């Protein structure tokens, strides 16, 4: 099992990525984000476009035996544009010809529903040359999107790495792209 401690040893966490510590009896419990070490829940996203912007479908069940890299974003998220999308672009470009690594991106809209709309998917896909499926998970009536609930994400940008057995091995805000590429190259060689 690839634990958070092992991922830290491999250096996959980006600088500044905080470990969640157990609170002392006088501290309030901090929210526990992520589901690293657990099976990846199937995605329940109703709207997807493929790499060409055509409506499609994406599910994890069809990707067993492969590494799956998911990125959650919102179109208006400054961190998504400053480092999330560039990181996704760099890592996905490194594996464009590797059939063992699959990429998908999901707009998890937990605020700004009037701006973070489905039409932003294709705009972002083209802007960052992201050759991957992109989904839109808006949540219902002000609730958090199901992807955020299932994966216990803390916001955007959020990166999730699922191993070929379907276990989440990374689930956090930032990732060290160069070390992630190095790690995935070693895993798929």
N, C-alpha and C. Protein backbone atom coordinates (compact mmCIF):
# COMPACT_ATOMS: atom_id res chain seq x y z
N UNK A 1 0.85 -1.18 0.00
CA UNK A 1 0.00 0.00 0.00
C UNK A 1 0.89 1.25 0.00
N UNK A 2 0.55 2.23 -0.82
CA UNK A 2 1.31 3.47 -0.93
C UNK A 2 0.72 4.46 0.07
N UNK A 3 1.38 4.60 1.21
CA UNK A 3 0.88 5.50 2.24
C UNK A 3 1.38 6.92 1.99
N UNK A 4 0.77 7.87 2.69
CA UNK A 4 1.20 9.27 2.59
C UNK A 4 2.67 9.40 2.96
N UNK A 5 3.10 8.64 3.96
CA UNK A 5 4.49 8.68 4.39
C UNK A 5 5.41 8.22 3.27
N UNK A 6 5.01 7.15 2.56
CA UNK A 6 5.82 6.68 1.42
C UNK A 6 5.85 7.71 0.32
N UNK A 7 4.71 8.36 0.05
CA UNK A 7 4.68 9.39 -0.98
C UNK A 7 5.58 10.56 -0.60
N UNK A 8 5.61 10.90 0.67
CA UNK A 8 6.50 11.97 1.11
C UNK A 8 7.95 11.56 0.89
N UNK A 9 8.25 10.28 1.16
CA UNK A 9 9.61 9.80 0.95
C UNK A 9 9.98 9.89 -0.52
N UNK A 10 9.04 9.57 -1.40
CA UNK A 10 9.29 9.68 -2.83
C UNK A 10 9.29 11.13 -3.29
N UNK A 11 8.83 12.04 -2.43
CA UNK A 11 8.85 13.45 -2.75
C UNK A 11 7.71 13.92 -3.64
N UNK A 12 6.59 13.20 -3.67
CA UNK A 12 5.49 13.58 -4.54
C UNK A 12 4.71 14.78 -4.04
N UNK A 13 4.78 15.05 -2.74
CA UNK A 13 4.08 16.21 -2.22
C UNK A 13 4.84 17.47 -2.59
N UNK A 14 4.12 18.47 -3.01
CA UNK A 14 4.74 19.76 -3.33
C UNK A 14 5.16 20.45 -2.05
N UNK A 15 6.10 21.34 -2.18
CA UNK A 15 6.54 22.11 -1.02
C UNK A 15 5.34 22.84 -0.43
N UNK A 16 5.24 22.81 0.88
CA UNK A 16 4.15 23.51 1.55
C UNK A 16 2.91 22.66 1.74
N UNK A 17 2.90 21.44 1.25
CA UNK A 17 1.75 20.57 1.42
C UNK A 17 1.77 20.06 2.86
N UNK A 18 0.80 20.45 3.64
CA UNK A 18 0.81 20.17 5.07
C UNK A 18 0.28 18.77 5.39
N UNK A 19 0.89 18.17 6.39
CA UNK A 19 0.38 16.92 6.92
C UNK A 19 -0.75 17.29 7.89
N UNK A 20 -1.77 16.51 7.91
CA UNK A 20 -2.85 16.74 8.87
C UNK A 20 -2.48 15.99 10.14
N UNK A 21 -2.41 16.68 11.24
CA UNK A 21 -2.01 16.07 12.49
C UNK A 21 -3.23 15.89 13.38
N UNK A 22 -3.17 14.87 14.21
CA UNK A 22 -4.25 14.64 15.16
C UNK A 22 -4.27 15.80 16.15
N UNK A 23 -5.45 16.33 16.44
CA UNK A 23 -5.52 17.47 17.37
C UNK A 23 -5.25 17.02 18.80
N UNK A 24 -4.70 17.93 19.58
CA UNK A 24 -4.56 17.66 21.00
C UNK A 24 -5.94 17.84 21.61
N UNK A 25 -6.16 17.40 22.85
CA UNK A 25 -7.49 17.51 23.45
C UNK A 25 -8.04 18.93 23.51
N UNK A 26 -7.17 19.95 23.50
CA UNK A 26 -7.65 21.32 23.60
C UNK A 26 -7.83 21.98 22.23
N UNK A 27 -7.41 21.32 21.16
CA UNK A 27 -7.56 21.88 19.82
C UNK A 27 -8.84 21.37 19.18
N UNK A 28 -9.39 22.19 18.33
CA UNK A 28 -10.53 21.73 17.54
C UNK A 28 -10.00 20.78 16.47
N UNK A 29 -10.79 19.79 16.16
CA UNK A 29 -10.38 18.83 15.14
C UNK A 29 -10.33 19.52 13.78
N UNK A 30 -9.21 19.39 13.10
CA UNK A 30 -9.07 19.95 11.75
C UNK A 30 -9.80 19.03 10.78
N UNK A 31 -10.36 19.59 9.72
CA UNK A 31 -11.02 18.73 8.74
C UNK A 31 -10.00 17.79 8.11
N UNK A 32 -10.38 16.54 7.98
CA UNK A 32 -9.50 15.55 7.38
C UNK A 32 -9.83 15.44 5.90
N UNK A 33 -8.91 15.87 5.06
CA UNK A 33 -9.14 15.83 3.64
C UNK A 33 -8.49 14.60 3.03
N UNK A 34 -9.00 14.22 1.88
CA UNK A 34 -8.42 13.13 1.11
C UNK A 34 -8.84 11.76 1.60
N UNK A 35 -8.64 10.79 0.72
CA UNK A 35 -8.95 9.39 1.05
C UNK A 35 -7.79 8.49 0.63
N UNK A 36 -6.58 8.98 0.75
CA UNK A 36 -5.42 8.16 0.39
C UNK A 36 -5.45 6.84 1.15
N UNK A 37 -5.10 5.79 0.43
CA UNK A 37 -5.09 4.46 1.03
C UNK A 37 -6.41 3.73 0.92
N UNK A 38 -7.41 4.36 0.33
CA UNK A 38 -8.74 3.75 0.19
C UNK A 38 -9.06 3.50 -1.28
N UNK A 39 -10.01 2.61 -1.55
CA UNK A 39 -10.43 2.41 -2.94
C UNK A 39 -11.05 3.68 -3.51
N UNK A 40 -10.76 3.95 -4.77
CA UNK A 40 -11.30 5.13 -5.44
C UNK A 40 -12.78 4.92 -5.75
N UNK A 41 -13.64 5.81 -5.27
CA UNK A 41 -15.06 5.70 -5.62
C UNK A 41 -15.26 5.99 -7.11
N UNK A 42 -16.24 5.35 -7.69
CA UNK A 42 -16.57 5.64 -9.09
C UNK A 42 -17.04 7.08 -9.18
N UNK A 43 -16.70 7.73 -10.27
CA UNK A 43 -17.12 9.10 -10.50
C UNK A 43 -18.59 9.14 -10.89
N UNK A 44 -19.32 10.11 -10.36
CA UNK A 44 -20.75 10.24 -10.67
C UNK A 44 -21.01 11.56 -11.39
N UNK A 45 -20.12 11.88 -12.31
CA UNK A 45 -20.20 13.12 -13.07
C UNK A 45 -21.06 12.88 -14.30
N UNK A 46 -22.10 13.69 -14.48
CA UNK A 46 -23.06 13.50 -15.57
C UNK A 46 -22.63 14.10 -16.90
N UNK A 47 -21.76 15.11 -16.87
CA UNK A 47 -21.40 15.79 -18.12
C UNK A 47 -19.90 15.71 -18.36
N UNK A 48 -19.52 15.14 -19.49
CA UNK A 48 -18.12 15.00 -19.89
C UNK A 48 -17.96 15.44 -21.34
N UNK A 49 -16.78 15.97 -21.65
CA UNK A 49 -16.38 16.13 -23.04
C UNK A 49 -15.08 15.36 -23.23
N UNK A 50 -14.87 14.85 -24.44
CA UNK A 50 -13.63 14.14 -24.72
C UNK A 50 -12.54 15.13 -25.09
N UNK A 51 -11.39 14.65 -25.49
CA UNK A 51 -10.24 15.51 -25.80
C UNK A 51 -10.52 16.46 -26.96
N UNK A 52 -11.54 16.16 -27.77
CA UNK A 52 -11.91 17.01 -28.91
C UNK A 52 -13.09 17.93 -28.60
N UNK A 53 -13.58 17.92 -27.36
CA UNK A 53 -14.69 18.79 -26.98
C UNK A 53 -16.06 18.22 -27.27
N UNK A 54 -16.13 16.95 -27.64
CA UNK A 54 -17.39 16.29 -27.96
C UNK A 54 -17.94 15.64 -26.69
N UNK A 55 -19.26 15.79 -26.44
CA UNK A 55 -19.85 15.15 -25.26
C UNK A 55 -19.53 13.67 -25.26
N UNK A 56 -19.15 13.17 -24.09
CA UNK A 56 -18.73 11.77 -23.97
C UNK A 56 -19.04 11.25 -22.58
N UNK A 57 -18.35 10.21 -22.20
CA UNK A 57 -18.53 9.57 -20.90
C UNK A 57 -17.15 9.14 -20.40
N UNK A 58 -16.97 9.15 -19.09
CA UNK A 58 -15.71 8.70 -18.49
C UNK A 58 -16.04 7.98 -17.20
N UNK A 59 -15.45 6.82 -17.01
CA UNK A 59 -15.63 6.11 -15.74
C UNK A 59 -14.33 5.43 -15.36
N UNK A 60 -14.13 5.27 -14.08
CA UNK A 60 -12.91 4.65 -13.57
C UNK A 60 -12.89 3.15 -13.81
N UNK A 61 -14.05 2.51 -13.79
CA UNK A 61 -14.11 1.05 -13.93
C UNK A 61 -13.39 0.58 -15.19
N UNK A 62 -13.48 1.34 -16.25
CA UNK A 62 -12.82 0.97 -17.50
C UNK A 62 -11.33 1.25 -17.52
N UNK A 63 -10.80 1.79 -16.44
CA UNK A 63 -9.37 2.14 -16.38
C UNK A 63 -8.59 1.26 -15.42
N UNK A 64 -9.18 0.19 -14.91
CA UNK A 64 -8.45 -0.72 -14.02
C UNK A 64 -7.21 -1.23 -14.72
N UNK A 65 -6.13 -1.37 -13.98
CA UNK A 65 -4.87 -1.81 -14.54
C UNK A 65 -4.02 -0.64 -15.03
N UNK A 66 -4.54 0.58 -14.91
CA UNK A 66 -3.81 1.76 -15.34
C UNK A 66 -3.72 2.77 -14.19
N UNK A 67 -2.75 3.64 -14.27
CA UNK A 67 -2.66 4.76 -13.34
C UNK A 67 -3.62 5.83 -13.82
N UNK A 68 -4.39 6.41 -12.90
CA UNK A 68 -5.35 7.46 -13.26
C UNK A 68 -5.01 8.72 -12.46
N UNK A 69 -4.83 9.81 -13.20
CA UNK A 69 -4.52 11.10 -12.59
C UNK A 69 -5.71 12.01 -12.83
N UNK A 70 -6.37 12.42 -11.73
CA UNK A 70 -7.52 13.32 -11.81
C UNK A 70 -7.14 14.68 -11.26
N UNK A 71 -7.64 15.72 -11.89
CA UNK A 71 -7.44 17.07 -11.38
C UNK A 71 -8.80 17.73 -11.23
N UNK A 72 -9.08 18.24 -10.04
CA UNK A 72 -10.31 18.98 -9.80
C UNK A 72 -9.99 20.48 -9.85
N UNK A 73 -10.89 21.24 -10.45
CA UNK A 73 -10.64 22.66 -10.64
C UNK A 73 -11.95 23.43 -10.67
N UNK A 74 -11.83 24.75 -10.66
CA UNK A 74 -12.91 25.67 -11.00
C UNK A 74 -12.31 26.66 -11.98
N UNK A 75 -13.09 27.08 -12.97
CA UNK A 75 -12.54 27.96 -14.00
C UNK A 75 -12.08 29.30 -13.44
N UNK A 76 -12.67 29.74 -12.34
CA UNK A 76 -12.29 31.04 -11.79
C UNK A 76 -11.21 30.95 -10.71
N UNK A 77 -10.68 29.80 -10.47
CA UNK A 77 -9.71 29.54 -9.40
C UNK A 77 -8.31 30.05 -9.81
N UNK A 78 -7.79 31.08 -9.11
CA UNK A 78 -6.46 31.60 -9.46
C UNK A 78 -5.35 30.54 -9.33
N UNK A 79 -5.41 29.72 -8.28
CA UNK A 79 -4.39 28.68 -8.10
C UNK A 79 -4.43 27.63 -9.19
N UNK A 80 -5.62 27.39 -9.72
CA UNK A 80 -5.74 26.43 -10.83
C UNK A 80 -4.98 26.94 -12.04
N UNK A 81 -5.08 28.24 -12.30
CA UNK A 81 -4.41 28.82 -13.46
C UNK A 81 -2.92 29.08 -13.22
N UNK A 82 -2.55 29.42 -11.99
CA UNK A 82 -1.14 29.72 -11.74
C UNK A 82 -0.28 28.47 -11.63
N UNK A 83 -0.83 27.40 -11.05
CA UNK A 83 0.00 26.19 -10.95
C UNK A 83 -0.75 24.89 -11.25
N UNK A 84 -2.05 24.82 -11.03
CA UNK A 84 -2.78 23.57 -11.25
C UNK A 84 -2.79 23.12 -12.70
N UNK A 85 -3.23 23.99 -13.61
CA UNK A 85 -3.27 23.63 -15.03
C UNK A 85 -1.87 23.48 -15.63
N UNK A 86 -0.93 24.37 -15.33
CA UNK A 86 0.42 24.15 -15.84
C UNK A 86 1.02 22.82 -15.37
N UNK A 87 0.77 22.44 -14.12
CA UNK A 87 1.25 21.15 -13.62
C UNK A 87 0.58 20.00 -14.37
N UNK A 88 -0.73 20.10 -14.56
CA UNK A 88 -1.46 19.07 -15.29
C UNK A 88 -0.97 18.97 -16.73
N UNK A 89 -0.75 20.10 -17.35
CA UNK A 89 -0.25 20.11 -18.73
C UNK A 89 1.12 19.43 -18.81
N UNK A 90 2.00 19.75 -17.89
CA UNK A 90 3.36 19.19 -17.91
C UNK A 90 3.35 17.67 -17.68
N UNK A 91 2.59 17.22 -16.70
CA UNK A 91 2.58 15.79 -16.40
C UNK A 91 1.84 15.00 -17.49
N UNK A 92 0.76 15.55 -18.01
CA UNK A 92 0.02 14.82 -19.05
C UNK A 92 0.80 14.77 -20.35
N UNK A 93 1.54 15.82 -20.66
CA UNK A 93 2.38 15.82 -21.85
C UNK A 93 3.48 14.76 -21.74
N UNK A 94 4.00 14.56 -20.54
CA UNK A 94 5.05 13.56 -20.34
C UNK A 94 4.56 12.14 -20.60
N UNK A 95 3.24 11.92 -20.51
CA UNK A 95 2.70 10.57 -20.68
C UNK A 95 1.72 10.46 -21.85
N UNK A 96 1.81 11.40 -22.79
CA UNK A 96 0.86 11.43 -23.90
C UNK A 96 0.85 10.12 -24.70
N UNK A 97 1.98 9.45 -24.81
CA UNK A 97 2.06 8.19 -25.57
C UNK A 97 2.11 6.96 -24.68
N UNK A 98 1.85 7.11 -23.39
CA UNK A 98 1.92 5.99 -22.46
C UNK A 98 0.50 5.50 -22.15
N UNK A 99 0.12 4.34 -22.66
CA UNK A 99 -1.25 3.85 -22.45
C UNK A 99 -1.52 3.40 -21.01
N UNK A 100 -0.50 3.38 -20.16
CA UNK A 100 -0.67 2.96 -18.77
C UNK A 100 -1.05 4.10 -17.83
N UNK A 101 -1.08 5.34 -18.36
CA UNK A 101 -1.42 6.49 -17.53
C UNK A 101 -2.57 7.25 -18.21
N UNK A 102 -3.66 7.45 -17.46
CA UNK A 102 -4.87 8.09 -17.97
C UNK A 102 -5.09 9.39 -17.19
N UNK A 103 -5.52 10.43 -17.89
CA UNK A 103 -5.78 11.73 -17.27
C UNK A 103 -7.21 12.14 -17.50
N UNK A 104 -7.78 12.80 -16.51
CA UNK A 104 -9.11 13.42 -16.63
C UNK A 104 -9.14 14.60 -15.67
N UNK A 105 -9.96 15.57 -16.00
CA UNK A 105 -10.08 16.76 -15.17
C UNK A 105 -11.56 17.04 -14.93
N UNK A 106 -11.88 17.46 -13.70
CA UNK A 106 -13.28 17.67 -13.33
C UNK A 106 -13.44 19.05 -12.71
N UNK A 107 -14.36 19.83 -13.26
CA UNK A 107 -14.70 21.11 -12.66
C UNK A 107 -15.68 20.84 -11.51
N UNK A 108 -15.18 20.93 -10.29
CA UNK A 108 -15.99 20.69 -9.10
C UNK A 108 -16.47 22.04 -8.59
N UNK A 109 -17.70 22.39 -8.93
CA UNK A 109 -18.24 23.72 -8.66
C UNK A 109 -18.92 23.73 -7.29
N UNK A 110 -18.23 24.34 -6.34
CA UNK A 110 -18.81 24.48 -5.00
C UNK A 110 -19.13 25.94 -4.68
N UNK A 111 -18.83 26.83 -5.61
CA UNK A 111 -19.15 28.25 -5.50
C UNK A 111 -19.06 28.85 -6.90
N UNK A 112 -19.61 30.02 -7.09
CA UNK A 112 -19.50 30.68 -8.38
C UNK A 112 -20.16 29.92 -9.52
N UNK A 113 -21.33 29.35 -9.25
CA UNK A 113 -22.03 28.55 -10.26
C UNK A 113 -22.33 29.34 -11.54
N UNK A 114 -22.48 30.65 -11.43
CA UNK A 114 -22.79 31.48 -12.60
C UNK A 114 -21.57 31.70 -13.50
N UNK A 115 -20.37 31.43 -12.99
CA UNK A 115 -19.15 31.59 -13.78
C UNK A 115 -18.54 30.24 -14.14
N UNK A 116 -18.52 29.31 -13.22
CA UNK A 116 -17.90 28.00 -13.42
C UNK A 116 -18.88 27.07 -14.14
N UNK A 117 -19.10 27.36 -15.39
CA UNK A 117 -20.13 26.68 -16.19
C UNK A 117 -19.52 25.65 -17.14
N UNK A 118 -20.38 24.84 -17.73
CA UNK A 118 -19.91 23.77 -18.62
C UNK A 118 -19.14 24.31 -19.82
N UNK A 119 -19.48 25.48 -20.30
CA UNK A 119 -18.77 26.01 -21.48
C UNK A 119 -17.31 26.32 -21.18
N UNK A 120 -16.95 26.44 -19.91
CA UNK A 120 -15.55 26.71 -19.53
C UNK A 120 -14.65 25.50 -19.77
N UNK A 121 -15.24 24.29 -19.81
CA UNK A 121 -14.43 23.09 -20.00
C UNK A 121 -13.61 23.17 -21.29
N UNK A 122 -14.29 23.43 -22.39
CA UNK A 122 -13.60 23.48 -23.68
C UNK A 122 -12.63 24.66 -23.74
N UNK A 123 -12.99 25.79 -23.18
CA UNK A 123 -12.09 26.94 -23.15
C UNK A 123 -10.77 26.57 -22.47
N UNK A 124 -10.85 25.93 -21.32
CA UNK A 124 -9.65 25.55 -20.56
C UNK A 124 -8.88 24.46 -21.29
N UNK A 125 -9.60 23.51 -21.85
CA UNK A 125 -8.97 22.44 -22.62
C UNK A 125 -8.09 23.02 -23.73
N UNK A 126 -8.63 23.99 -24.46
CA UNK A 126 -7.89 24.61 -25.56
C UNK A 126 -6.77 25.53 -25.05
N UNK A 127 -7.07 26.31 -24.02
CA UNK A 127 -6.07 27.25 -23.48
C UNK A 127 -4.80 26.55 -23.02
N UNK A 128 -4.97 25.40 -22.37
CA UNK A 128 -3.81 24.68 -21.82
C UNK A 128 -3.43 23.45 -22.64
N UNK A 129 -4.06 23.27 -23.79
CA UNK A 129 -3.79 22.12 -24.66
C UNK A 129 -3.87 20.82 -23.87
N UNK A 130 -4.97 20.63 -23.18
CA UNK A 130 -5.17 19.43 -22.35
C UNK A 130 -5.89 18.37 -23.18
N UNK A 131 -5.16 17.35 -23.56
CA UNK A 131 -5.68 16.28 -24.40
C UNK A 131 -6.27 15.18 -23.51
N UNK A 132 -7.40 15.49 -22.88
CA UNK A 132 -8.00 14.55 -21.93
C UNK A 132 -9.48 14.85 -21.77
N UNK A 133 -10.23 13.89 -21.25
CA UNK A 133 -11.64 14.15 -20.93
C UNK A 133 -11.74 15.17 -19.80
N UNK A 134 -12.81 15.97 -19.87
CA UNK A 134 -13.07 16.95 -18.81
C UNK A 134 -14.54 16.86 -18.43
N UNK A 135 -14.79 16.83 -17.12
CA UNK A 135 -16.15 16.71 -16.62
C UNK A 135 -16.58 17.95 -15.85
N UNK A 136 -17.90 18.05 -15.66
CA UNK A 136 -18.48 19.18 -14.92
C UNK A 136 -19.37 18.60 -13.82
N UNK A 137 -18.99 18.86 -12.56
CA UNK A 137 -19.73 18.37 -11.40
C UNK A 137 -20.16 19.58 -10.58
N UNK A 138 -21.40 20.09 -10.82
CA UNK A 138 -21.83 21.33 -10.19
C UNK A 138 -22.42 21.22 -8.79
N UNK A 139 -22.64 20.05 -8.30
CA UNK A 139 -23.34 19.96 -7.02
C UNK A 139 -24.79 20.36 -7.21
N UNK A 140 -25.60 20.14 -6.22
CA UNK A 140 -27.03 20.44 -6.33
C UNK A 140 -27.45 21.39 -5.23
N UNK A 141 -28.14 22.45 -5.61
CA UNK A 141 -28.73 23.39 -4.65
C UNK A 141 -27.76 23.84 -3.57
N UNK A 142 -26.57 24.25 -3.98
CA UNK A 142 -25.60 24.77 -3.03
C UNK A 142 -24.79 23.72 -2.30
N UNK A 143 -25.08 22.45 -2.53
CA UNK A 143 -24.30 21.39 -1.91
C UNK A 143 -22.97 21.23 -2.63
N UNK A 144 -22.02 20.62 -1.96
CA UNK A 144 -20.74 20.33 -2.59
C UNK A 144 -20.95 19.26 -3.67
N UNK A 145 -20.18 19.33 -4.76
CA UNK A 145 -20.27 18.33 -5.80
C UNK A 145 -19.92 16.94 -5.25
N UNK A 146 -20.51 15.92 -5.82
CA UNK A 146 -20.31 14.56 -5.33
C UNK A 146 -18.85 14.14 -5.38
N UNK A 147 -18.11 14.61 -6.38
CA UNK A 147 -16.68 14.28 -6.46
C UNK A 147 -15.95 14.79 -5.22
N UNK A 148 -16.26 16.01 -4.80
CA UNK A 148 -15.63 16.57 -3.60
C UNK A 148 -15.99 15.77 -2.36
N UNK A 149 -17.24 15.35 -2.28
CA UNK A 149 -17.69 14.56 -1.12
C UNK A 149 -17.01 13.19 -1.12
N UNK A 150 -17.05 12.51 -2.26
CA UNK A 150 -16.50 11.15 -2.34
C UNK A 150 -14.99 11.10 -2.09
N UNK A 151 -14.28 12.10 -2.60
CA UNK A 151 -12.82 12.12 -2.48
C UNK A 151 -12.33 13.02 -1.35
N UNK A 152 -13.27 13.65 -0.64
CA UNK A 152 -12.97 14.51 0.50
C UNK A 152 -11.93 15.57 0.14
N UNK A 153 -12.18 16.23 -0.99
CA UNK A 153 -11.25 17.26 -1.44
C UNK A 153 -11.45 18.51 -0.62
N UNK A 154 -10.40 19.32 -0.56
CA UNK A 154 -10.45 20.53 0.24
C UNK A 154 -10.66 21.79 -0.58
N UNK A 155 -10.93 21.66 -1.84
CA UNK A 155 -11.10 22.82 -2.71
C UNK A 155 -10.44 22.59 -4.05
N UNK A 156 -9.95 23.66 -4.65
CA UNK A 156 -9.28 23.56 -5.94
C UNK A 156 -8.05 24.45 -5.94
N UNK A 157 -7.02 24.10 -6.70
CA UNK A 157 -6.87 22.88 -7.49
C UNK A 157 -6.60 21.69 -6.58
N UNK A 158 -7.06 20.54 -6.99
CA UNK A 158 -6.90 19.32 -6.21
C UNK A 158 -6.43 18.21 -7.15
N UNK A 159 -5.42 17.46 -6.74
CA UNK A 159 -4.85 16.40 -7.55
C UNK A 159 -5.10 15.05 -6.88
N UNK A 160 -5.47 14.07 -7.68
CA UNK A 160 -5.74 12.72 -7.19
C UNK A 160 -5.01 11.74 -8.09
N UNK A 161 -4.26 10.81 -7.49
CA UNK A 161 -3.58 9.76 -8.25
C UNK A 161 -4.09 8.42 -7.74
N UNK A 162 -4.56 7.61 -8.68
CA UNK A 162 -5.13 6.29 -8.38
C UNK A 162 -4.24 5.24 -9.02
N UNK A 163 -3.88 4.22 -8.23
CA UNK A 163 -3.00 3.18 -8.77
C UNK A 163 -3.78 2.16 -9.61
N UNK A 164 -3.09 1.25 -10.29
CA UNK A 164 -3.77 0.30 -11.18
C UNK A 164 -4.76 -0.64 -10.47
N UNK A 165 -4.63 -0.80 -9.16
CA UNK A 165 -5.56 -1.63 -8.40
C UNK A 165 -6.79 -0.84 -7.96
N UNK A 166 -6.83 0.43 -8.28
CA UNK A 166 -7.99 1.26 -7.93
C UNK A 166 -7.90 1.92 -6.57
N UNK A 167 -6.70 2.01 -5.99
CA UNK A 167 -6.52 2.65 -4.68
C UNK A 167 -5.99 4.07 -4.86
N UNK A 168 -6.55 4.99 -4.11
CA UNK A 168 -6.08 6.37 -4.12
C UNK A 168 -4.75 6.41 -3.37
N UNK A 169 -3.68 6.86 -4.05
CA UNK A 169 -2.39 6.94 -3.37
C UNK A 169 -1.93 8.37 -3.16
N UNK A 170 -2.59 9.32 -3.83
CA UNK A 170 -2.29 10.73 -3.61
C UNK A 170 -3.57 11.50 -3.74
N UNK A 171 -3.81 12.45 -2.81
CA UNK A 171 -5.06 13.20 -2.79
C UNK A 171 -4.78 14.48 -2.02
N UNK A 172 -4.39 15.57 -2.74
CA UNK A 172 -3.99 16.79 -2.06
C UNK A 172 -3.98 17.96 -3.04
N UNK A 173 -3.70 19.17 -2.51
CA UNK A 173 -3.68 20.38 -3.33
C UNK A 173 -2.56 20.38 -4.37
N UNK A 174 -1.36 20.18 -3.94
CA UNK A 174 -0.23 20.33 -4.84
C UNK A 174 0.59 19.07 -4.97
N UNK A 175 1.25 18.96 -6.09
CA UNK A 175 2.11 17.81 -6.34
C UNK A 175 3.38 18.33 -6.97
N UNK A 176 4.51 17.72 -6.64
CA UNK A 176 5.78 18.04 -7.28
C UNK A 176 5.77 17.32 -8.62
N UNK A 177 5.56 18.06 -9.69
CA UNK A 177 5.36 17.47 -11.01
C UNK A 177 6.56 16.65 -11.46
N UNK A 178 7.76 17.18 -11.29
CA UNK A 178 8.95 16.46 -11.75
C UNK A 178 9.10 15.12 -11.04
N UNK A 179 8.86 15.12 -9.74
CA UNK A 179 8.96 13.86 -8.99
C UNK A 179 7.80 12.93 -9.31
N UNK A 180 6.63 13.50 -9.58
CA UNK A 180 5.49 12.67 -9.98
C UNK A 180 5.76 12.00 -11.32
N UNK A 181 6.33 12.74 -12.26
CA UNK A 181 6.69 12.16 -13.56
C UNK A 181 7.72 11.05 -13.36
N UNK A 182 8.73 11.32 -12.58
CA UNK A 182 9.77 10.33 -12.29
C UNK A 182 9.15 9.07 -11.66
N UNK A 183 8.27 9.27 -10.71
CA UNK A 183 7.58 8.15 -10.03
C UNK A 183 6.77 7.33 -11.03
N UNK A 184 5.95 7.99 -11.86
CA UNK A 184 5.12 7.27 -12.81
C UNK A 184 5.92 6.59 -13.91
N UNK A 185 7.02 7.20 -14.32
CA UNK A 185 7.91 6.55 -15.30
C UNK A 185 8.42 5.25 -14.71
N UNK A 186 8.86 5.29 -13.46
CA UNK A 186 9.38 4.07 -12.81
C UNK A 186 8.28 3.01 -12.66
N UNK A 187 7.05 3.44 -12.40
CA UNK A 187 5.95 2.49 -12.19
C UNK A 187 5.47 1.86 -13.50
N UNK A 188 5.65 2.56 -14.60
CA UNK A 188 5.11 2.08 -15.88
C UNK A 188 6.18 1.54 -16.82
N UNK A 189 7.43 1.49 -16.35
CA UNK A 189 8.54 1.01 -17.19
C UNK A 189 8.48 -0.50 -17.37
